Amino acid sequence: MLLRYIRIGKAYTLISEAFPGEEFTGRISRIAAAADAGSRVFAVEVAIPNPRDRLKTGMVMSLVIDDAKLPKPAAVIPLNAVVRPRGNPEAFAVFTIVPQENKTIAKTKIVKLGEVVGNRMTVLEGLKVGERIVGNGAALLQDGDEIRAFK
C-alpha cells in the first residue's frame, strides 16, 4: 500500500494529463482515515499553489513518489504454504514442485518473508518468477516426498 509512503505536510511533485509535460508542487493537507468502501481507495487532498487559476476543483492529479523509497515487488503466497524447515526452527520455507525423472517431488526452499496481506504472505527472497509451490497440505510434507501437482 503506497499510503504509508506519503505524509501530511510533505511537499510532492504532481502531474496531470490536462497539462502534459508540466509538474506542479503541492503539500499533502489531508489523508482520509479510511478507504472508500466500494473502490478501496484512500482520498488524499493536496494544497497546490494556483496563482494563474489554471487548476480547477475536482481535477485529477497523479502524485509522483520516489521509486527508490518503495519496496521491491514481492511474491504473494497462501499462509498455509509456509512451513518451518526441518533442523532450522528459526527459518521459514515453502515446498517447491519439482519434476524428477517420471515423478514430481516436493523440494524444501528457504524463503525470507515480508508482511501478511489478508490470508497471504509476501515473500521477499527465495522464490523465482514461475516457480510453483505447494499450498494445501504443505505442513504434511517432507523434503523429497512424491506429490501430484494440479494446475
N, C-alpha and C. Protein backbone atom coordinates (compact mmCIF):
# COMPACT_ATOMS: atom_id res chain seq x y z
N MET A 1 0.85 -1.17 0.00
CA MET A 1 0.00 0.00 0.00
C MET A 1 0.90 1.24 0.00
N LEU A 2 0.69 2.11 -0.94
CA LEU A 2 1.51 3.31 -1.09
C LEU A 2 1.24 4.36 -0.02
N LEU A 3 0.11 4.24 0.64
CA LEU A 3 -0.29 5.25 1.62
C LEU A 3 0.77 5.46 2.70
N ARG A 4 1.48 4.43 3.06
CA ARG A 4 2.48 4.56 4.12
C ARG A 4 3.70 5.37 3.70
N TYR A 5 3.83 5.67 2.41
CA TYR A 5 4.98 6.40 1.92
C TYR A 5 4.70 7.89 1.71
N ILE A 6 3.50 8.34 2.05
CA ILE A 6 3.21 9.76 1.96
C ILE A 6 2.87 10.31 3.34
N ARG A 7 3.17 11.57 3.56
CA ARG A 7 2.98 12.19 4.86
C ARG A 7 2.29 13.55 4.74
N ILE A 8 1.40 13.82 5.67
CA ILE A 8 0.75 15.14 5.72
C ILE A 8 1.81 16.19 5.96
N GLY A 9 1.72 17.28 5.20
CA GLY A 9 2.66 18.39 5.33
C GLY A 9 3.87 18.31 4.41
N LYS A 10 4.14 17.15 3.86
CA LYS A 10 5.30 16.99 2.99
C LYS A 10 4.97 17.44 1.57
N ALA A 11 5.93 18.06 0.90
CA ALA A 11 5.76 18.51 -0.48
C ALA A 11 6.05 17.39 -1.46
N TYR A 12 5.22 17.30 -2.50
CA TYR A 12 5.36 16.28 -3.53
C TYR A 12 5.18 16.91 -4.90
N THR A 13 5.72 16.26 -5.91
CA THR A 13 5.51 16.65 -7.30
C THR A 13 4.23 15.98 -7.77
N LEU A 14 3.44 16.74 -8.55
CA LEU A 14 2.20 16.20 -9.12
C LEU A 14 2.19 16.46 -10.61
N ILE A 15 1.53 15.56 -11.34
CA ILE A 15 1.37 15.73 -12.78
C ILE A 15 -0.09 15.52 -13.13
N SER A 16 -0.50 16.05 -14.29
CA SER A 16 -1.88 15.90 -14.74
C SER A 16 -1.91 15.76 -16.25
N GLU A 17 -2.81 14.92 -16.74
CA GLU A 17 -2.97 14.77 -18.19
C GLU A 17 -3.48 16.06 -18.82
N ALA A 18 -4.10 16.92 -18.01
CA ALA A 18 -4.60 18.19 -18.52
C ALA A 18 -3.46 19.13 -18.91
N PHE A 19 -2.27 18.91 -18.34
CA PHE A 19 -1.10 19.76 -18.61
C PHE A 19 0.11 18.86 -18.90
N PRO A 20 0.16 18.23 -20.07
CA PRO A 20 1.26 17.30 -20.39
C PRO A 20 2.62 17.97 -20.28
N GLY A 21 3.55 17.25 -19.64
CA GLY A 21 4.92 17.76 -19.52
C GLY A 21 5.13 18.76 -18.40
N GLU A 22 4.07 19.19 -17.75
CA GLU A 22 4.21 20.14 -16.63
C GLU A 22 4.18 19.41 -15.31
N GLU A 23 4.93 19.95 -14.36
CA GLU A 23 4.93 19.42 -13.00
C GLU A 23 4.46 20.51 -12.05
N PHE A 24 3.73 20.10 -11.04
CA PHE A 24 3.26 21.01 -10.00
C PHE A 24 3.80 20.51 -8.67
N THR A 25 3.92 21.42 -7.72
CA THR A 25 4.35 21.03 -6.38
C THR A 25 3.24 21.36 -5.41
N GLY A 26 2.94 20.41 -4.54
CA GLY A 26 1.91 20.63 -3.55
C GLY A 26 2.22 19.89 -2.26
N ARG A 27 1.55 20.30 -1.20
CA ARG A 27 1.73 19.66 0.11
C ARG A 27 0.48 18.88 0.46
N ILE A 28 0.67 17.68 1.01
CA ILE A 28 -0.45 16.86 1.45
C ILE A 28 -1.13 17.58 2.62
N SER A 29 -2.42 17.84 2.48
CA SER A 29 -3.15 18.53 3.54
C SER A 29 -4.09 17.61 4.30
N ARG A 30 -4.49 16.49 3.67
CA ARG A 30 -5.38 15.55 4.36
C ARG A 30 -5.28 14.19 3.70
N ILE A 31 -5.33 13.17 4.54
CA ILE A 31 -5.42 11.78 4.07
C ILE A 31 -6.61 11.18 4.78
N ALA A 32 -7.54 10.61 4.02
CA ALA A 32 -8.74 10.03 4.62
C ALA A 32 -8.36 8.95 5.63
N ALA A 33 -9.13 8.87 6.70
CA ALA A 33 -8.87 7.88 7.76
C ALA A 33 -9.19 6.46 7.31
N ALA A 34 -10.09 6.33 6.35
CA ALA A 34 -10.48 5.01 5.87
C ALA A 34 -10.65 5.05 4.35
N ALA A 35 -10.50 3.90 3.75
CA ALA A 35 -10.68 3.79 2.30
C ALA A 35 -12.16 3.82 1.95
N ASP A 36 -12.46 4.24 0.74
CA ASP A 36 -13.82 4.18 0.22
C ASP A 36 -14.25 2.72 0.19
N ALA A 37 -15.45 2.42 0.68
CA ALA A 37 -15.93 1.04 0.78
C ALA A 37 -16.01 0.35 -0.58
N GLY A 38 -16.36 1.07 -1.61
CA GLY A 38 -16.51 0.46 -2.93
C GLY A 38 -15.19 0.32 -3.68
N SER A 39 -14.43 1.40 -3.75
CA SER A 39 -13.21 1.38 -4.55
C SER A 39 -11.97 0.95 -3.78
N ARG A 40 -12.05 1.00 -2.44
CA ARG A 40 -10.92 0.69 -1.57
C ARG A 40 -9.75 1.64 -1.79
N VAL A 41 -10.06 2.87 -2.20
CA VAL A 41 -9.07 3.91 -2.44
C VAL A 41 -9.18 4.95 -1.34
N PHE A 42 -8.03 5.43 -0.87
CA PHE A 42 -7.99 6.48 0.14
C PHE A 42 -7.96 7.84 -0.56
N ALA A 43 -8.82 8.75 -0.12
CA ALA A 43 -8.80 10.12 -0.66
C ALA A 43 -7.63 10.87 -0.04
N VAL A 44 -6.88 11.55 -0.89
CA VAL A 44 -5.75 12.36 -0.44
C VAL A 44 -5.94 13.76 -1.00
N GLU A 45 -5.90 14.76 -0.11
CA GLU A 45 -6.03 16.14 -0.56
C GLU A 45 -4.65 16.79 -0.54
N VAL A 46 -4.39 17.57 -1.59
CA VAL A 46 -3.10 18.24 -1.73
C VAL A 46 -3.35 19.72 -1.98
N ALA A 47 -2.66 20.58 -1.24
CA ALA A 47 -2.73 22.02 -1.45
C ALA A 47 -1.66 22.39 -2.48
N ILE A 48 -2.13 22.90 -3.63
CA ILE A 48 -1.22 23.24 -4.73
C ILE A 48 -1.35 24.73 -5.01
N PRO A 49 -0.24 25.49 -4.98
CA PRO A 49 -0.33 26.90 -5.36
C PRO A 49 -0.89 27.01 -6.78
N ASN A 50 -1.81 27.95 -6.97
CA ASN A 50 -2.50 28.09 -8.25
C ASN A 50 -2.62 29.58 -8.62
N PRO A 51 -1.49 30.27 -8.74
CA PRO A 51 -1.54 31.72 -8.93
C PRO A 51 -2.20 32.17 -10.24
N ARG A 52 -2.16 31.36 -11.29
CA ARG A 52 -2.78 31.74 -12.56
C ARG A 52 -4.16 31.12 -12.72
N ASP A 53 -4.68 30.50 -11.68
CA ASP A 53 -6.03 29.95 -11.65
C ASP A 53 -6.27 28.91 -12.76
N ARG A 54 -5.23 28.14 -13.08
CA ARG A 54 -5.35 27.12 -14.13
C ARG A 54 -5.94 25.82 -13.60
N LEU A 55 -5.68 25.52 -12.34
CA LEU A 55 -6.18 24.28 -11.75
C LEU A 55 -7.59 24.50 -11.23
N LYS A 56 -8.45 23.52 -11.47
CA LYS A 56 -9.85 23.64 -11.06
C LYS A 56 -10.20 22.55 -10.05
N THR A 57 -11.16 22.81 -9.20
CA THR A 57 -11.64 21.84 -8.22
C THR A 57 -12.08 20.58 -8.93
N GLY A 58 -11.66 19.44 -8.40
CA GLY A 58 -12.06 18.15 -8.96
C GLY A 58 -11.13 17.61 -10.03
N MET A 59 -10.11 18.37 -10.43
CA MET A 59 -9.16 17.86 -11.42
C MET A 59 -8.39 16.69 -10.82
N VAL A 60 -8.08 15.73 -11.65
CA VAL A 60 -7.33 14.56 -11.20
C VAL A 60 -5.84 14.80 -11.43
N MET A 61 -5.07 14.60 -10.39
CA MET A 61 -3.62 14.75 -10.46
C MET A 61 -2.99 13.44 -9.99
N SER A 62 -1.79 13.17 -10.47
CA SER A 62 -1.05 11.99 -10.02
C SER A 62 0.12 12.44 -9.17
N LEU A 63 0.26 11.82 -8.03
CA LEU A 63 1.33 12.12 -7.10
C LEU A 63 2.56 11.33 -7.52
N VAL A 64 3.70 11.98 -7.63
CA VAL A 64 4.94 11.32 -8.02
C VAL A 64 5.68 10.92 -6.75
N ILE A 65 5.92 9.61 -6.59
CA ILE A 65 6.61 9.10 -5.41
C ILE A 65 7.94 8.52 -5.87
N ASP A 66 9.00 8.83 -5.16
CA ASP A 66 10.34 8.35 -5.48
C ASP A 66 10.38 6.83 -5.42
N ASP A 67 10.60 6.18 -6.56
CA ASP A 67 10.62 4.71 -6.63
C ASP A 67 11.68 4.09 -5.74
N ALA A 68 12.78 4.78 -5.50
CA ALA A 68 13.86 4.22 -4.69
C ALA A 68 13.41 3.97 -3.26
N LYS A 69 12.40 4.68 -2.80
CA LYS A 69 11.93 4.52 -1.42
C LYS A 69 10.86 3.44 -1.29
N LEU A 70 10.37 2.94 -2.41
CA LEU A 70 9.31 1.94 -2.38
C LEU A 70 9.89 0.53 -2.27
N PRO A 71 9.17 -0.37 -1.63
CA PRO A 71 9.65 -1.74 -1.57
C PRO A 71 9.60 -2.38 -2.95
N LYS A 72 10.51 -3.30 -3.19
CA LYS A 72 10.53 -4.00 -4.46
C LYS A 72 9.34 -4.97 -4.52
N PRO A 73 8.84 -5.27 -5.73
CA PRO A 73 7.72 -6.21 -5.83
C PRO A 73 8.06 -7.54 -5.17
N ALA A 74 7.08 -8.15 -4.57
CA ALA A 74 7.29 -9.42 -3.87
C ALA A 74 6.21 -10.42 -4.29
N ALA A 75 6.58 -11.68 -4.23
CA ALA A 75 5.60 -12.74 -4.47
C ALA A 75 4.64 -12.78 -3.29
N VAL A 76 3.42 -13.18 -3.56
CA VAL A 76 2.42 -13.33 -2.51
C VAL A 76 1.92 -14.77 -2.56
N ILE A 77 2.02 -15.46 -1.42
CA ILE A 77 1.66 -16.87 -1.37
C ILE A 77 0.64 -17.11 -0.25
N PRO A 78 -0.09 -18.22 -0.31
CA PRO A 78 -1.03 -18.53 0.78
C PRO A 78 -0.28 -18.79 2.09
N LEU A 79 -0.85 -18.37 3.20
CA LEU A 79 -0.23 -18.61 4.51
C LEU A 79 0.01 -20.09 4.75
N ASN A 80 -0.91 -20.94 4.28
CA ASN A 80 -0.77 -22.37 4.55
C ASN A 80 0.35 -23.02 3.73
N ALA A 81 1.01 -22.27 2.86
CA ALA A 81 2.16 -22.80 2.12
C ALA A 81 3.46 -22.65 2.91
N VAL A 82 3.44 -21.82 3.96
CA VAL A 82 4.64 -21.53 4.74
C VAL A 82 4.83 -22.60 5.81
N VAL A 83 6.05 -23.15 5.87
CA VAL A 83 6.38 -24.18 6.86
C VAL A 83 7.72 -23.83 7.52
N ARG A 84 8.01 -24.53 8.62
CA ARG A 84 9.33 -24.44 9.25
C ARG A 84 10.16 -25.61 8.72
N PRO A 85 11.34 -25.33 8.17
CA PRO A 85 12.15 -26.44 7.64
C PRO A 85 12.73 -27.29 8.77
N ARG A 86 12.87 -28.57 8.50
CA ARG A 86 13.46 -29.49 9.49
C ARG A 86 14.88 -29.03 9.83
N GLY A 87 15.19 -29.02 11.12
CA GLY A 87 16.54 -28.69 11.56
C GLY A 87 16.84 -27.20 11.58
N ASN A 88 15.87 -26.36 11.25
CA ASN A 88 16.11 -24.92 11.26
C ASN A 88 14.84 -24.21 11.74
N PRO A 89 14.54 -24.28 13.05
CA PRO A 89 13.28 -23.75 13.56
C PRO A 89 13.16 -22.22 13.51
N GLU A 90 14.23 -21.55 13.19
CA GLU A 90 14.18 -20.08 13.10
C GLU A 90 13.79 -19.61 11.70
N ALA A 91 13.90 -20.48 10.71
CA ALA A 91 13.68 -20.10 9.32
C ALA A 91 12.26 -20.44 8.88
N PHE A 92 11.92 -19.96 7.68
CA PHE A 92 10.66 -20.30 7.04
C PHE A 92 10.98 -20.89 5.67
N ALA A 93 10.08 -21.73 5.18
CA ALA A 93 10.30 -22.37 3.89
C ALA A 93 8.97 -22.63 3.21
N VAL A 94 9.06 -22.98 1.94
CA VAL A 94 7.93 -23.47 1.17
C VAL A 94 8.41 -24.73 0.47
N PHE A 95 7.47 -25.51 -0.01
CA PHE A 95 7.82 -26.67 -0.82
C PHE A 95 7.58 -26.29 -2.27
N THR A 96 8.65 -26.35 -3.07
CA THR A 96 8.50 -26.11 -4.50
C THR A 96 8.15 -27.44 -5.17
N ILE A 97 7.51 -27.34 -6.30
CA ILE A 97 7.09 -28.51 -7.07
C ILE A 97 8.14 -28.74 -8.15
N VAL A 98 8.83 -29.88 -8.03
CA VAL A 98 9.97 -30.14 -8.91
C VAL A 98 9.77 -31.45 -9.67
N PRO A 99 9.81 -31.42 -11.03
CA PRO A 99 9.76 -32.67 -11.79
C PRO A 99 11.09 -33.41 -11.63
N GLN A 100 11.01 -34.71 -11.39
CA GLN A 100 12.22 -35.51 -11.23
C GLN A 100 11.98 -36.88 -11.86
N GLU A 101 12.70 -37.17 -12.92
CA GLU A 101 12.53 -38.40 -13.69
C GLU A 101 11.06 -38.55 -14.10
N ASN A 102 10.37 -39.59 -13.67
CA ASN A 102 8.98 -39.81 -14.06
C ASN A 102 8.00 -39.42 -12.96
N LYS A 103 8.41 -38.59 -12.05
CA LYS A 103 7.53 -38.20 -10.94
C LYS A 103 7.72 -36.74 -10.61
N THR A 104 6.91 -36.27 -9.69
CA THR A 104 7.01 -34.89 -9.21
C THR A 104 7.23 -34.95 -7.71
N ILE A 105 8.21 -34.17 -7.23
CA ILE A 105 8.50 -34.18 -5.79
C ILE A 105 8.37 -32.78 -5.20
N ALA A 106 8.27 -32.77 -3.87
CA ALA A 106 8.25 -31.51 -3.11
C ALA A 106 9.67 -31.26 -2.61
N LYS A 107 10.19 -30.08 -2.91
CA LYS A 107 11.55 -29.73 -2.51
C LYS A 107 11.51 -28.51 -1.60
N THR A 108 12.11 -28.63 -0.40
CA THR A 108 12.13 -27.53 0.56
C THR A 108 12.97 -26.37 0.03
N LYS A 109 12.44 -25.17 0.17
CA LYS A 109 13.18 -23.98 -0.23
C LYS A 109 13.02 -22.92 0.85
N ILE A 110 14.12 -22.46 1.41
CA ILE A 110 14.11 -21.42 2.45
C ILE A 110 13.70 -20.09 1.80
N VAL A 111 12.83 -19.35 2.48
CA VAL A 111 12.38 -18.05 1.97
C VAL A 111 12.47 -17.00 3.07
N LYS A 112 12.57 -15.76 2.65
CA LYS A 112 12.51 -14.63 3.58
C LYS A 112 11.13 -14.00 3.41
N LEU A 113 10.38 -13.93 4.49
CA LEU A 113 9.00 -13.45 4.43
C LEU A 113 8.91 -11.96 4.73
N GLY A 114 7.85 -11.36 4.17
CA GLY A 114 7.56 -9.95 4.41
C GLY A 114 6.29 -9.83 5.24
N GLU A 115 5.38 -9.02 4.77
CA GLU A 115 4.15 -8.73 5.50
C GLU A 115 3.04 -9.72 5.20
N VAL A 116 2.13 -9.83 6.18
CA VAL A 116 0.91 -10.60 5.98
C VAL A 116 -0.09 -9.70 5.25
N VAL A 117 -0.72 -10.22 4.22
CA VAL A 117 -1.73 -9.49 3.45
C VAL A 117 -2.98 -10.36 3.42
N GLY A 118 -3.89 -10.11 4.36
CA GLY A 118 -5.08 -10.95 4.47
C GLY A 118 -4.69 -12.35 4.88
N ASN A 119 -5.02 -13.34 4.04
CA ASN A 119 -4.64 -14.72 4.34
C ASN A 119 -3.46 -15.15 3.46
N ARG A 120 -2.67 -14.18 3.08
CA ARG A 120 -1.49 -14.43 2.26
C ARG A 120 -0.26 -13.79 2.91
N MET A 121 0.90 -14.18 2.43
CA MET A 121 2.17 -13.69 2.96
C MET A 121 3.05 -13.27 1.80
N THR A 122 3.74 -12.14 1.95
CA THR A 122 4.68 -11.73 0.91
C THR A 122 6.00 -12.47 1.11
N VAL A 123 6.65 -12.81 0.01
CA VAL A 123 7.96 -13.45 0.04
C VAL A 123 8.95 -12.48 -0.57
N LEU A 124 9.92 -12.05 0.22
CA LEU A 124 10.89 -11.06 -0.22
C LEU A 124 12.07 -11.69 -0.94
N GLU A 125 12.46 -12.89 -0.51
CA GLU A 125 13.60 -13.57 -1.13
C GLU A 125 13.36 -15.07 -1.12
N GLY A 126 13.95 -15.75 -2.09
CA GLY A 126 13.94 -17.21 -2.08
C GLY A 126 13.13 -17.86 -3.18
N LEU A 127 12.18 -17.14 -3.77
CA LEU A 127 11.40 -17.71 -4.87
C LEU A 127 11.71 -16.96 -6.15
N LYS A 128 11.67 -17.70 -7.25
CA LYS A 128 11.87 -17.11 -8.57
C LYS A 128 10.53 -17.04 -9.28
N VAL A 129 10.41 -16.12 -10.21
CA VAL A 129 9.19 -16.00 -11.01
C VAL A 129 8.94 -17.32 -11.73
N GLY A 130 7.71 -17.79 -11.64
CA GLY A 130 7.33 -19.01 -12.32
C GLY A 130 7.48 -20.28 -11.50
N GLU A 131 8.18 -20.21 -10.36
CA GLU A 131 8.29 -21.40 -9.52
C GLU A 131 6.94 -21.74 -8.92
N ARG A 132 6.60 -23.01 -8.96
CA ARG A 132 5.33 -23.46 -8.40
C ARG A 132 5.58 -23.98 -7.00
N ILE A 133 4.63 -23.72 -6.10
CA ILE A 133 4.77 -24.17 -4.72
C ILE A 133 3.55 -24.98 -4.30
N VAL A 134 3.72 -25.73 -3.22
CA VAL A 134 2.62 -26.49 -2.64
C VAL A 134 1.88 -25.56 -1.69
N GLY A 135 0.56 -25.48 -1.85
CA GLY A 135 -0.26 -24.67 -0.95
C GLY A 135 -0.91 -25.55 0.08
N ASN A 136 -1.93 -26.27 -0.32
CA ASN A 136 -2.66 -27.15 0.61
C ASN A 136 -1.84 -28.38 0.95
N GLY A 137 -1.74 -28.66 2.24
CA GLY A 137 -1.05 -29.86 2.69
C GLY A 137 0.44 -29.72 2.87
N ALA A 138 0.97 -28.51 2.73
CA ALA A 138 2.42 -28.31 2.85
C ALA A 138 2.94 -28.77 4.21
N ALA A 139 2.19 -28.57 5.27
CA ALA A 139 2.63 -28.93 6.62
C ALA A 139 2.76 -30.45 6.79
N LEU A 140 2.17 -31.24 5.88
CA LEU A 140 2.22 -32.69 5.99
C LEU A 140 3.37 -33.31 5.20
N LEU A 141 4.11 -32.48 4.47
CA LEU A 141 5.17 -32.99 3.58
C LEU A 141 6.54 -33.00 4.22
N GLN A 142 7.40 -33.80 3.61
CA GLN A 142 8.83 -33.79 3.92
C GLN A 142 9.57 -33.58 2.61
N ASP A 143 10.78 -33.09 2.71
CA ASP A 143 11.60 -32.85 1.53
C ASP A 143 11.75 -34.14 0.73
N GLY A 144 11.44 -34.09 -0.56
CA GLY A 144 11.59 -35.25 -1.43
C GLY A 144 10.35 -36.11 -1.57
N ASP A 145 9.29 -35.81 -0.82
CA ASP A 145 8.05 -36.58 -0.95
C ASP A 145 7.52 -36.46 -2.37
N GLU A 146 7.00 -37.58 -2.87
CA GLU A 146 6.36 -37.55 -4.19
C GLU A 146 4.98 -36.91 -4.04
N ILE A 147 4.64 -36.05 -4.97
CA ILE A 147 3.35 -35.35 -4.93
C ILE A 147 2.68 -35.41 -6.30
N ARG A 148 1.41 -35.08 -6.29
CA ARG A 148 0.67 -34.94 -7.54
C ARG A 148 0.29 -33.46 -7.63
N ALA A 149 0.80 -32.79 -8.63
CA ALA A 149 0.58 -31.35 -8.78
C ALA A 149 -0.59 -31.09 -9.72
N PHE A 150 -1.40 -30.12 -9.36
CA PHE A 150 -2.53 -29.68 -10.19
C PHE A 150 -2.26 -28.28 -10.69
N LYS A 151 -2.75 -27.98 -11.85
CA LYS A 151 -2.54 -26.64 -12.41
C LYS A 151 -3.69 -25.76 -12.11
